Amino acid sequence: MKALLLLALPLLLISCDAREEAKSTTAPVEKSKDYVCGMMVPKASAIKHVHEGTEYFFCADACLEKFKADPKKYAPAK
């Protein structure tokens, strides 16, 4: 049993290293903060809205509507 474990261990370590390399080659997802709920949302799939020349990103229509109703409450101070 110990001999089998000793033979399997190097293979396990090699396969773990290969998975780590595969993970590190993927491009990071660019995210932005939804200033209404505080959630980090992927820019590519977020709901976008431009207010006073700045683009804002939202996770849902409800957050966008809250922002539109009172942008000064949610937009970061410049």
PDB file of N, CA and C in Angstrom:
ATOM      1  N   MET A   1       0.823  -1.196   0.000  1.00  0.00           N
ATOM      2  CA  MET A   1       0.000   0.000   0.000  1.00  0.00           C
ATOM      3  C   MET A   1       0.869   1.262   0.000  1.00  0.00           C
ATOM      4  N   LYS A   2       1.940   1.249   0.849  1.00  0.00           N
ATOM      5  CA  LYS A   2       2.829   2.407   0.895  1.00  0.00           C
ATOM      6  C   LYS A   2       3.536   2.606  -0.436  1.00  0.00           C
ATOM      7  N   ALA A   3       3.889   1.502  -1.092  1.00  0.00           N
ATOM      8  CA  ALA A   3       4.579   1.597  -2.380  1.00  0.00           C
ATOM      9  C   ALA A   3       3.667   2.250  -3.418  1.00  0.00           C
ATOM     10  N   LEU A   4       2.397   1.922  -3.398  1.00  0.00           N
ATOM     11  CA  LEU A   4       1.441   2.515  -4.334  1.00  0.00           C
ATOM     12  C   LEU A   4       1.299   4.011  -4.084  1.00  0.00           C
ATOM     13  N   LEU A   5       1.256   4.382  -2.826  1.00  0.00           N
ATOM     14  CA  LEU A   5       1.161   5.796  -2.470  1.00  0.00           C
ATOM     15  C   LEU A   5       2.407   6.549  -2.925  1.00  0.00           C
ATOM     16  N   LEU A   6       3.573   5.957  -2.731  1.00  0.00           N
ATOM     17  CA  LEU A   6       4.817   6.596  -3.149  1.00  0.00           C
ATOM     18  C   LEU A   6       4.883   6.766  -4.662  1.00  0.00           C
ATOM     19  N   LEU A   7       4.293   5.841  -5.405  1.00  0.00           N
ATOM     20  CA  LEU A   7       4.274   5.950  -6.860  1.00  0.00           C
ATOM     21  C   LEU A   7       3.243   6.980  -7.329  1.00  0.00           C
ATOM     22  N   ALA A   8       2.147   7.092  -6.630  1.00  0.00           N
ATOM     23  CA  ALA A   8       1.068   7.987  -7.040  1.00  0.00           C
ATOM     24  C   ALA A   8       1.342   9.443  -6.678  1.00  0.00           C
ATOM     25  N   LEU A   9       2.081   9.682  -5.616  1.00  0.00           N
ATOM     26  CA  LEU A   9       2.329  11.044  -5.148  1.00  0.00           C
ATOM     27  C   LEU A   9       2.971  11.945  -6.205  1.00  0.00           C
ATOM     28  N   PRO A  10       4.045  11.521  -6.875  1.00  0.00           N
ATOM     29  CA  PRO A  10       4.622  12.394  -7.910  1.00  0.00           C
ATOM     30  C   PRO A  10       3.631  12.716  -9.039  1.00  0.00           C
ATOM     31  N   LEU A  11       2.810  11.758  -9.416  1.00  0.00           N
ATOM     32  CA  LEU A  11       1.824  12.008 -10.467  1.00  0.00           C
ATOM     33  C   LEU A  11       0.797  13.029 -10.010  1.00  0.00           C
ATOM     34  N   LEU A  12       0.386  12.944  -8.774  1.00  0.00           N
ATOM     35  CA  LEU A  12      -0.564  13.898  -8.224  1.00  0.00           C
ATOM     36  C   LEU A  12       0.022  15.301  -8.221  1.00  0.00           C
ATOM     37  N   LEU A  13       1.263  15.424  -7.797  1.00  0.00           N
ATOM     38  CA  LEU A  13       1.913  16.735  -7.760  1.00  0.00           C
ATOM     39  C   LEU A  13       2.077  17.323  -9.150  1.00  0.00           C
ATOM     40  N   ILE A  14       2.411  16.498 -10.119  1.00  0.00           N
ATOM     41  CA  ILE A  14       2.564  16.975 -11.495  1.00  0.00           C
ATOM     42  C   ILE A  14       1.225  17.467 -12.030  1.00  0.00           C
ATOM     43  N   SER A  15       0.166  16.738 -11.771  1.00  0.00           N
ATOM     44  CA  SER A  15      -1.145  17.147 -12.283  1.00  0.00           C
ATOM     45  C   SER A  15      -1.624  18.429 -11.615  1.00  0.00           C
ATOM     46  N   CYS A  16      -1.309  18.625 -10.339  1.00  0.00           N
ATOM     47  CA  CYS A  16      -1.682  19.871  -9.653  1.00  0.00           C
ATOM     48  C   CYS A  16      -0.942  21.058 -10.252  1.00  0.00           C
ATOM     49  N   ASP A  17       0.337  20.885 -10.561  1.00  0.00           N
ATOM     50  CA  ASP A  17       1.110  21.956 -11.179  1.00  0.00           C
ATOM     51  C   ASP A  17       0.542  22.323 -12.539  1.00  0.00           C
ATOM     52  N   ALA A  18       0.118  21.340 -13.303  1.00  0.00           N
ATOM     53  CA  ALA A  18      -0.437  21.605 -14.630  1.00  0.00           C
ATOM     54  C   ALA A  18      -1.724  22.421 -14.515  1.00  0.00           C
ATOM     55  N   ARG A  19      -2.566  22.111 -13.516  1.00  0.00           N
ATOM     56  CA  ARG A  19      -3.808  22.866 -13.339  1.00  0.00           C
ATOM     57  C   ARG A  19      -3.519  24.300 -12.912  1.00  0.00           C
ATOM     58  N   GLU A  20      -2.514  24.513 -12.075  1.00  0.00           N
ATOM     59  CA  GLU A  20      -2.146  25.862 -11.666  1.00  0.00           C
ATOM     60  C   GLU A  20      -1.705  26.696 -12.861  1.00  0.00           C
ATOM     61  N   GLU A  21      -0.902  26.098 -13.756  1.00  0.00           N
ATOM     62  CA  GLU A  21      -0.463  26.806 -14.950  1.00  0.00           C
ATOM     63  C   GLU A  21      -1.653  27.175 -15.821  1.00  0.00           C
ATOM     64  N   ALA A  22      -2.610  26.296 -15.968  1.00  0.00           N
ATOM     65  CA  ALA A  22      -3.789  26.569 -16.785  1.00  0.00           C
ATOM     66  C   ALA A  22      -4.591  27.714 -16.197  1.00  0.00           C
ATOM     67  N   LYS A  23      -4.710  27.777 -14.896  1.00  0.00           N
ATOM     68  CA  LYS A  23      -5.450  28.862 -14.249  1.00  0.00           C
ATOM     69  C   LYS A  23      -4.768  30.197 -14.465  1.00  0.00           C
ATOM     70  N   SER A  24      -3.453  30.228 -14.381  1.00  0.00           N
ATOM     71  CA  SER A  24      -2.729  31.488 -14.442  1.00  0.00           C
ATOM     72  C   SER A  24      -2.665  32.081 -15.846  1.00  0.00           C
ATOM     73  N   THR A  25      -2.990  31.320 -16.880  1.00  0.00           N
ATOM     74  CA  THR A  25      -2.914  31.846 -18.233  1.00  0.00           C
ATOM     75  C   THR A  25      -4.223  32.489 -18.687  1.00  0.00           C
ATOM     76  N   THR A  26      -5.286  32.390 -17.892  1.00  0.00           N
ATOM     77  CA  THR A  26      -6.543  33.025 -18.271  1.00  0.00           C
ATOM     78  C   THR A  26      -6.479  34.514 -17.943  1.00  0.00           C
ATOM     79  N   ALA A  27      -7.080  35.314 -18.797  1.00  0.00           N
ATOM     80  CA  ALA A  27      -7.074  36.764 -18.598  1.00  0.00           C
ATOM     81  C   ALA A  27      -7.993  37.136 -17.436  1.00  0.00           C
ATOM     82  N   PRO A  28      -7.587  38.094 -16.615  1.00  0.00           N
ATOM     83  CA  PRO A  28      -8.449  38.516 -15.510  1.00  0.00           C
ATOM     84  C   PRO A  28      -9.677  39.256 -16.044  1.00  0.00           C
ATOM     85  N   VAL A  29     -10.783  39.119 -15.339  1.00  0.00           N
ATOM     86  CA  VAL A  29     -12.018  39.782 -15.731  1.00  0.00           C
ATOM     87  C   VAL A  29     -11.999  41.186 -15.154  1.00  0.00           C
ATOM     88  N   GLU A  30     -12.190  42.183 -16.010  1.00  0.00           N
ATOM     89  CA  GLU A  30     -12.206  43.566 -15.551  1.00  0.00           C
ATOM     90  C   GLU A  30     -13.549  43.853 -14.896  1.00  0.00           C
ATOM     91  N   LYS A  31     -13.511  44.338 -13.666  1.00  0.00           N
ATOM     92  CA  LYS A  31     -14.733  44.595 -12.915  1.00  0.00           C
ATOM     93  C   LYS A  31     -14.803  46.045 -12.473  1.00  0.00           C
ATOM     94  N   SER A  32     -16.020  46.473 -12.156  1.00  0.00           N
ATOM     95  CA  SER A  32     -16.250  47.809 -11.641  1.00  0.00           C
ATOM     96  C   SER A  32     -17.278  47.733 -10.524  1.00  0.00           C
ATOM     97  N   LYS A  33     -17.256  48.702  -9.656  1.00  0.00           N
ATOM     98  CA  LYS A  33     -18.168  48.713  -8.522  1.00  0.00           C
ATOM     99  C   LYS A  33     -19.517  49.286  -8.917  1.00  0.00           C
ATOM    100  N   ASP A  34     -20.583  48.599  -8.527  1.00  0.00           N
ATOM    101  CA  ASP A  34     -21.942  49.125  -8.629  1.00  0.00           C
ATOM    102  C   ASP A  34     -22.110  50.006  -7.395  1.00  0.00           C
ATOM    103  N   TYR A  35     -22.169  51.327  -7.592  1.00  0.00           N
ATOM    104  CA  TYR A  35     -22.182  52.256  -6.469  1.00  0.00           C
ATOM    105  C   TYR A  35     -23.496  52.248  -5.689  1.00  0.00           C
ATOM    106  N   VAL A  36     -24.509  51.586  -6.192  1.00  0.00           N
ATOM    107  CA  VAL A  36     -25.774  51.514  -5.461  1.00  0.00           C
ATOM    108  C   VAL A  36     -25.727  50.403  -4.417  1.00  0.00           C
ATOM    109  N   CYS A  37     -25.387  49.189  -4.835  1.00  0.00           N
ATOM    110  CA  CYS A  37     -25.399  48.053  -3.902  1.00  0.00           C
ATOM    111  C   CYS A  37     -24.006  47.658  -3.422  1.00  0.00           C
ATOM    112  N   GLY A  38     -22.956  48.179  -4.062  1.00  0.00           N
ATOM    113  CA  GLY A  38     -21.595  47.891  -3.654  1.00  0.00           C
ATOM    114  C   GLY A  38     -20.989  46.646  -4.276  1.00  0.00           C
ATOM    115  N   MET A  39     -21.750  45.947  -5.090  1.00  0.00           N
ATOM    116  CA  MET A  39     -21.278  44.711  -5.714  1.00  0.00           C
ATOM    117  C   MET A  39     -20.260  45.010  -6.813  1.00  0.00           C
ATOM    118  N   MET A  40     -19.262  44.128  -6.959  1.00  0.00           N
ATOM    119  CA  MET A  40     -18.308  44.228  -8.062  1.00  0.00           C
ATOM    120  C   MET A  40     -18.898  43.468  -9.250  1.00  0.00           C
ATOM    121  N   VAL A  41     -19.049  44.145 -10.385  1.00  0.00           N
ATOM    122  CA  VAL A  41     -19.676  43.538 -11.554  1.00  0.00           C
ATOM    123  C   VAL A  41     -18.696  43.497 -12.723  1.00  0.00           C
ATOM    124  N   PRO A  42     -18.717  42.414 -13.520  1.00  0.00           N
ATOM    125  CA  PRO A  42     -17.875  42.367 -14.716  1.00  0.00           C
ATOM    126  C   PRO A  42     -18.317  43.442 -15.709  1.00  0.00           C
ATOM    127  N   LYS A  43     -17.390  44.261 -16.151  1.00  0.00           N
ATOM    128  CA  LYS A  43     -17.742  45.356 -17.058  1.00  0.00           C
ATOM    129  C   LYS A  43     -18.380  44.857 -18.353  1.00  0.00           C
ATOM    130  N   ALA A  44     -17.944  43.709 -18.835  1.00  0.00           N
ATOM    131  CA  ALA A  44     -18.439  43.192 -20.114  1.00  0.00           C
ATOM    132  C   ALA A  44     -19.923  42.856 -20.072  1.00  0.00           C
ATOM    133  N   SER A  45     -20.434  42.420 -18.922  1.00  0.00           N
ATOM    134  CA  SER A  45     -21.838  42.010 -18.842  1.00  0.00           C
ATOM    135  C   SER A  45     -22.697  42.953 -18.004  1.00  0.00           C
ATOM    136  N   ALA A  46     -22.117  44.042 -17.506  1.00  0.00           N
ATOM    137  CA  ALA A  46     -22.851  44.970 -16.644  1.00  0.00           C
ATOM    138  C   ALA A  46     -23.784  45.867 -17.454  1.00  0.00           C
ATOM    139  N   ILE A  47     -24.749  46.448 -16.764  1.00  0.00           N
ATOM    140  CA  ILE A  47     -25.626  47.469 -17.350  1.00  0.00           C
ATOM    141  C   ILE A  47     -24.865  48.784 -17.236  1.00  0.00           C
ATOM    142  N   LYS A  48     -24.702  49.478 -18.355  1.00  0.00           N
ATOM    143  CA  LYS A  48     -23.890  50.695 -18.391  1.00  0.00           C
ATOM    144  C   LYS A  48     -24.759  51.938 -18.474  1.00  0.00           C
ATOM    145  N   HIS A  49     -24.281  53.024 -17.846  1.00  0.00           N
ATOM    146  CA  HIS A  49     -24.983  54.298 -17.877  1.00  0.00           C
ATOM    147  C   HIS A  49     -23.940  55.408 -17.759  1.00  0.00           C
ATOM    148  N   VAL A  50     -24.077  56.451 -18.582  1.00  0.00           N
ATOM    149  CA  VAL A  50     -23.161  57.584 -18.524  1.00  0.00           C
ATOM    150  C   VAL A  50     -23.865  58.729 -17.808  1.00  0.00           C
ATOM    151  N   HIS A  51     -23.199  59.262 -16.785  1.00  0.00           N
ATOM    152  CA  HIS A  51     -23.720  60.394 -16.022  1.00  0.00           C
ATOM    153  C   HIS A  51     -22.612  61.428 -15.918  1.00  0.00           C
ATOM    154  N   GLU A  52     -22.886  62.629 -16.396  1.00  0.00           N
ATOM    155  CA  GLU A  52     -21.935  63.738 -16.387  1.00  0.00           C
ATOM    156  C   GLU A  52     -20.568  63.321 -16.931  1.00  0.00           C
ATOM    157  N   GLY A  53     -20.580  62.568 -18.032  1.00  0.00           N
ATOM    158  CA  GLY A  53     -19.354  62.185 -18.719  1.00  0.00           C
ATOM    159  C   GLY A  53     -18.622  60.981 -18.140  1.00  0.00           C
ATOM    160  N   THR A  54     -19.143  60.405 -17.071  1.00  0.00           N
ATOM    161  CA  THR A  54     -18.518  59.230 -16.457  1.00  0.00           C
ATOM    162  C   THR A  54     -19.410  58.020 -16.663  1.00  0.00           C
ATOM    163  N   GLU A  55     -18.798  56.900 -17.062  1.00  0.00           N
ATOM    164  CA  GLU A  55     -19.558  55.670 -17.260  1.00  0.00           C
ATOM    165  C   GLU A  55     -19.637  54.901 -15.949  1.00  0.00           C
ATOM    166  N   TYR A  56     -20.859  54.507 -15.586  1.00  0.00           N
ATOM    167  CA  TYR A  56     -21.104  53.727 -14.377  1.00  0.00           C
ATOM    168  C   TYR A  56     -21.635  52.355 -14.785  1.00  0.00           C
ATOM    169  N   PHE A  57     -21.384  51.365 -13.939  1.00  0.00           N
ATOM    170  CA  PHE A  57     -21.754  49.982 -14.217  1.00  0.00           C
ATOM    171  C   PHE A  57     -22.656  49.469 -13.106  1.00  0.00           C
ATOM    172  N   PHE A  58     -23.720  48.726 -13.503  1.00  0.00           N
ATOM    173  CA  PHE A  58     -24.711  48.254 -12.545  1.00  0.00           C
ATOM    174  C   PHE A  58     -24.981  46.771 -12.733  1.00  0.00           C
ATOM    175  N   CYS A  59     -25.333  46.115 -11.623  1.00  0.00           N
ATOM    176  CA  CYS A  59     -25.602  44.678 -11.661  1.00  0.00           C
ATOM    177  C   CYS A  59     -27.012  44.380 -12.147  1.00  0.00           C
ATOM    178  N   ALA A  60     -27.943  45.320 -11.961  1.00  0.00           N
ATOM    179  CA  ALA A  60     -29.347  45.081 -12.314  1.00  0.00           C
ATOM    180  C   ALA A  60     -30.035  46.399 -12.646  1.00  0.00           C
ATOM    181  N   ASP A  61     -31.168  46.299 -13.345  1.00  0.00           N
ATOM    182  CA  ASP A  61     -31.947  47.492 -13.688  1.00  0.00           C
ATOM    183  C   ASP A  61     -32.396  48.247 -12.449  1.00  0.00           C
ATOM    184  N   ALA A  62     -32.686  47.536 -11.364  1.00  0.00           N
ATOM    185  CA  ALA A  62     -33.147  48.191 -10.133  1.00  0.00           C
ATOM    186  C   ALA A  62     -32.070  49.138  -9.593  1.00  0.00           C
ATOM    187  N   CYS A  63     -30.814  48.720  -9.638  1.00  0.00           N
ATOM    188  CA  CYS A  63     -29.724  49.591  -9.185  1.00  0.00           C
ATOM    189  C   CYS A  63     -29.568  50.797 -10.105  1.00  0.00           C
ATOM    190  N   LEU A  64     -29.700  50.587 -11.400  1.00  0.00           N
ATOM    191  CA  LEU A  64     -29.618  51.693 -12.353  1.00  0.00           C
ATOM    192  C   LEU A  64     -30.728  52.703 -12.083  1.00  0.00           C
ATOM    193  N   GLU A  65     -31.938  52.236 -11.860  1.00  0.00           N
ATOM    194  CA  GLU A  65     -33.067  53.139 -11.607  1.00  0.00           C
ATOM    195  C   GLU A  65     -32.875  53.936 -10.315  1.00  0.00           C
ATOM    196  N   LYS A  66     -32.356  53.303  -9.272  1.00  0.00           N
ATOM    197  CA  LYS A  66     -32.061  54.027  -8.026  1.00  0.00           C
ATOM    198  C   LYS A  66     -31.013  55.102  -8.269  1.00  0.00           C
ATOM    199  N   PHE A  67     -29.998  54.771  -9.063  1.00  0.00           N
ATOM    200  CA  PHE A  67     -28.949  55.737  -9.386  1.00  0.00           C
ATOM    201  C   PHE A  67     -29.526  56.919 -10.153  1.00  0.00           C
ATOM    202  N   LYS A  68     -30.336  56.633 -11.165  1.00  0.00           N
ATOM    203  CA  LYS A  68     -30.934  57.707 -11.976  1.00  0.00           C
ATOM    204  C   LYS A  68     -31.823  58.616 -11.146  1.00  0.00           C
ATOM    205  N   ALA A  69     -32.510  58.068 -10.146  1.00  0.00           N
ATOM    206  CA  ALA A  69     -33.412  58.851  -9.303  1.00  0.00           C
ATOM    207  C   ALA A  69     -32.651  59.837  -8.418  1.00  0.00           C
ATOM    208  N   ASP A  70     -31.442  59.486  -7.996  1.00  0.00           N
ATOM    209  CA  ASP A  70     -30.666  60.351  -7.114  1.00  0.00           C
ATOM    210  C   ASP A  70     -29.170  60.124  -7.323  1.00  0.00           C
ATOM    211  N   PRO A  71     -28.625  60.553  -8.471  1.00  0.00           N
ATOM    212  CA  PRO A  71     -27.217  60.276  -8.774  1.00  0.00           C
ATOM    213  C   PRO A  71     -26.245  60.878  -7.756  1.00  0.00           C
ATOM    214  N   LYS A  72     -26.582  62.019  -7.171  1.00  0.00           N
ATOM    215  CA  LYS A  72     -25.672  62.650  -6.205  1.00  0.00           C
ATOM    216  C   LYS A  72     -25.497  61.784  -4.963  1.00  0.00           C
ATOM    217  N   LYS A  73     -26.506  60.996  -4.633  1.00  0.00           N
ATOM    218  CA  LYS A  73     -26.434  60.106  -3.480  1.00  0.00           C
ATOM    219  C   LYS A  73     -25.440  58.964  -3.712  1.00  0.00           C
ATOM    220  N   TYR A  74     -25.349  58.498  -4.953  1.00  0.00           N
ATOM    221  CA  TYR A  74     -24.548  57.306  -5.254  1.00  0.00           C
ATOM    222  C   TYR A  74     -23.221  57.571  -5.962  1.00  0.00           C
ATOM    223  N   ALA A  75     -23.149  58.604  -6.773  1.00  0.00           N
ATOM    224  CA  ALA A  75     -21.914  58.867  -7.526  1.00  0.00           C
ATOM    225  C   ALA A  75     -20.820  59.317  -6.575  1.00  0.00           C
ATOM    226  N   PRO A  76     -19.607  58.807  -6.740  1.00  0.00           N
ATOM    227  CA  PRO A  76     -18.514  59.252  -5.877  1.00  0.00           C
ATOM    228  C   PRO A  76     -18.210  60.734  -6.111  1.00  0.00           C
ATOM    229  N   ALA A  77     -17.856  61.416  -5.052  1.00  0.00           N
ATOM    230  CA  ALA A  77     -17.527  62.846  -5.166  1.00  0.00           C
ATOM    231  C   ALA A  77     -16.273  63.022  -6.002  1.00  0.00           C
ATOM    232  N   LYS A  78     -16.283  64.047  -6.830  1.00  0.00           N
ATOM    233  CA  LYS A  78     -15.126  64.322  -7.696  1.00  0.00           C
ATOM    234  C   LYS A  78     -14.282  65.421  -7.119  1.00  0.00           C
TER     235      LYS A  78
END
